[in-house]
Amino acid sequence: CGEVLRFTRARGYGAVVLTTSVVQVAAQRLYESQGFRKVATFSPSLLARLICFQMFQYHCDLTGRP
């Protein structure tokens, strides 16, 4: 995760956006510990909605980070 942030920052990107699922709790914790914020929650299909399966979109702003 840190390498992705270094790579994108070095190339002048302003943000990193990623998506993970409700069952990937360890990934959610990792992203949040690296400065990502959860910005959206959605179900990718009707079946997912019926079984309450959600996806989370995370955003990390690189413009103000060292």
C-alpha atoms as a PDB file:
ATOM      1  CA  CYS A   1       0.000   0.000   0.000  1.00  0.00           C
ATOM      2  CA  GLY A   2       2.820   2.364   0.867  1.00  0.00           C
ATOM      3  CA  GLU A   3       4.576   1.571  -2.400  1.00  0.00           C
ATOM      4  CA  VAL A   4       1.439   2.411  -4.396  1.00  0.00           C
ATOM      5  CA  LEU A   5       1.212   5.759  -2.627  1.00  0.00           C
ATOM      6  CA  ARG A   6       4.906   6.515  -3.258  1.00  0.00           C
ATOM      7  CA  PHE A   7       4.610   5.446  -6.924  1.00  0.00           C
ATOM      8  CA  THR A   8       1.564   7.606  -7.625  1.00  0.00           C
ATOM      9  CA  ARG A   9       2.882  10.612  -5.693  1.00  0.00           C
ATOM     10  CA  ALA A  10       6.215  10.454  -7.565  1.00  0.00           C
ATOM     11  CA  ARG A  11       4.324  10.593 -10.862  1.00  0.00           C
ATOM     12  CA  GLY A  12       2.276  13.616  -9.883  1.00  0.00           C
ATOM     13  CA  TYR A  13      -1.096  12.010  -9.228  1.00  0.00           C
ATOM     14  CA  GLY A  14      -3.367  13.914  -6.885  1.00  0.00           C
ATOM     15  CA  ALA A  15      -5.246  10.955  -5.430  1.00  0.00           C
ATOM     16  CA  VAL A  16      -5.587   7.193  -5.303  1.00  0.00           C
ATOM     17  CA  VAL A  17      -9.036   5.589  -5.489  1.00  0.00           C
ATOM     18  CA  LEU A  18      -9.667   1.907  -4.784  1.00  0.00           C
ATOM     19  CA  THR A  19     -12.518  -0.463  -4.122  1.00  0.00           C
ATOM     20  CA  THR A  20     -12.838  -3.365  -1.695  1.00  0.00           C
ATOM     21  CA  SER A  21     -15.681  -5.499  -0.375  1.00  0.00           C
ATOM     22  CA  VAL A  22     -17.475  -5.736   2.928  1.00  0.00           C
ATOM     23  CA  VAL A  23     -15.805  -9.087   3.671  1.00  0.00           C
ATOM     24  CA  GLN A  24     -12.258  -7.739   3.275  1.00  0.00           C
ATOM     25  CA  VAL A  25     -12.036  -6.232   6.741  1.00  0.00           C
ATOM     26  CA  ALA A  26      -8.240  -6.464   6.972  1.00  0.00           C
ATOM     27  CA  ALA A  27      -7.922  -4.535   3.707  1.00  0.00           C
ATOM     28  CA  GLN A  28     -10.311  -1.857   4.967  1.00  0.00           C
ATOM     29  CA  ARG A  29      -8.219  -1.414   8.125  1.00  0.00           C
ATOM     30  CA  LEU A  30      -5.003  -1.254   6.107  1.00  0.00           C
ATOM     31  CA  TYR A  31      -6.364   1.395   3.745  1.00  0.00           C
ATOM     32  CA  GLU A  32      -7.737   3.487   6.595  1.00  0.00           C
ATOM     33  CA  SER A  33      -4.400   3.275   8.443  1.00  0.00           C
ATOM     34  CA  GLN A  34      -2.688   4.636   5.308  1.00  0.00           C
ATOM     35  CA  GLY A  35      -4.950   7.700   5.145  1.00  0.00           C
ATOM     36  CA  PHE A  36      -7.714   6.460   2.831  1.00  0.00           C
ATOM     37  CA  ARG A  37     -11.277   7.613   3.521  1.00  0.00           C
ATOM     38  CA  LYS A  38     -14.375   5.601   2.672  1.00  0.00           C
ATOM     39  CA  VAL A  39     -16.308   7.766   0.206  1.00  0.00           C
ATOM     40  CA  ALA A  40     -18.955   5.429  -1.236  1.00  0.00           C
ATOM     41  CA  THR A  41     -20.824   2.222  -0.516  1.00  0.00           C
ATOM     42  CA  PHE A  42     -22.655   0.294  -3.226  1.00  0.00           C
ATOM     43  CA  SER A  43     -23.918  -3.124  -4.286  1.00  0.00           C
ATOM     44  CA  PRO A  44     -22.467  -4.179  -7.648  1.00  0.00           C
ATOM     45  CA  SER A  45     -25.544  -6.123  -8.788  1.00  0.00           C
ATOM     46  CA  LEU A  46     -29.124  -6.980  -7.967  1.00  0.00           C
ATOM     47  CA  LEU A  47     -28.029 -10.302  -6.466  1.00  0.00           C
ATOM     48  CA  ALA A  48     -25.463  -8.501  -4.307  1.00  0.00           C
ATOM     49  CA  ARG A  49     -28.167  -6.134  -3.143  1.00  0.00           C
ATOM     50  CA  LEU A  50     -30.466  -9.056  -2.273  1.00  0.00           C
ATOM     51  CA  ILE A  51     -27.816 -10.734  -0.121  1.00  0.00           C
ATOM     52  CA  CYS A  52     -26.594  -7.416   1.359  1.00  0.00           C
ATOM     53  CA  PHE A  53     -23.138  -7.676  -0.232  1.00  0.00           C
ATOM     54  CA  GLN A  54     -21.536  -4.263  -0.428  1.00  0.00           C
ATOM     55  CA  MET A  55     -18.486  -2.736  -2.018  1.00  0.00           C
ATOM     56  CA  PHE A  56     -16.670   0.237  -0.521  1.00  0.00           C
ATOM     57  CA  GLN A  57     -14.802   2.887  -2.455  1.00  0.00           C
ATOM     58  CA  TYR A  58     -11.845   4.522  -0.735  1.00  0.00           C
ATOM     59  CA  HIS A  59     -10.052   7.746  -1.645  1.00  0.00           C
ATOM     60  CA  CYS A  60      -6.618   9.001  -0.555  1.00  0.00           C
ATOM     61  CA  ASP A  61      -5.750  12.613  -1.332  1.00  0.00           C
ATOM     62  CA  LEU A  62      -2.033  12.930  -2.117  1.00  0.00           C
ATOM     63  CA  THR A  63      -1.864  16.703  -2.533  1.00  0.00           C
ATOM     64  CA  GLY A  64      -1.253  17.516   1.130  1.00  0.00           C
ATOM     65  CA  ARG A  65       0.757  14.442   2.154  1.00  0.00           C
ATOM     66  CA  PRO A  66       4.551  14.316   2.508  1.00  0.00           C
END
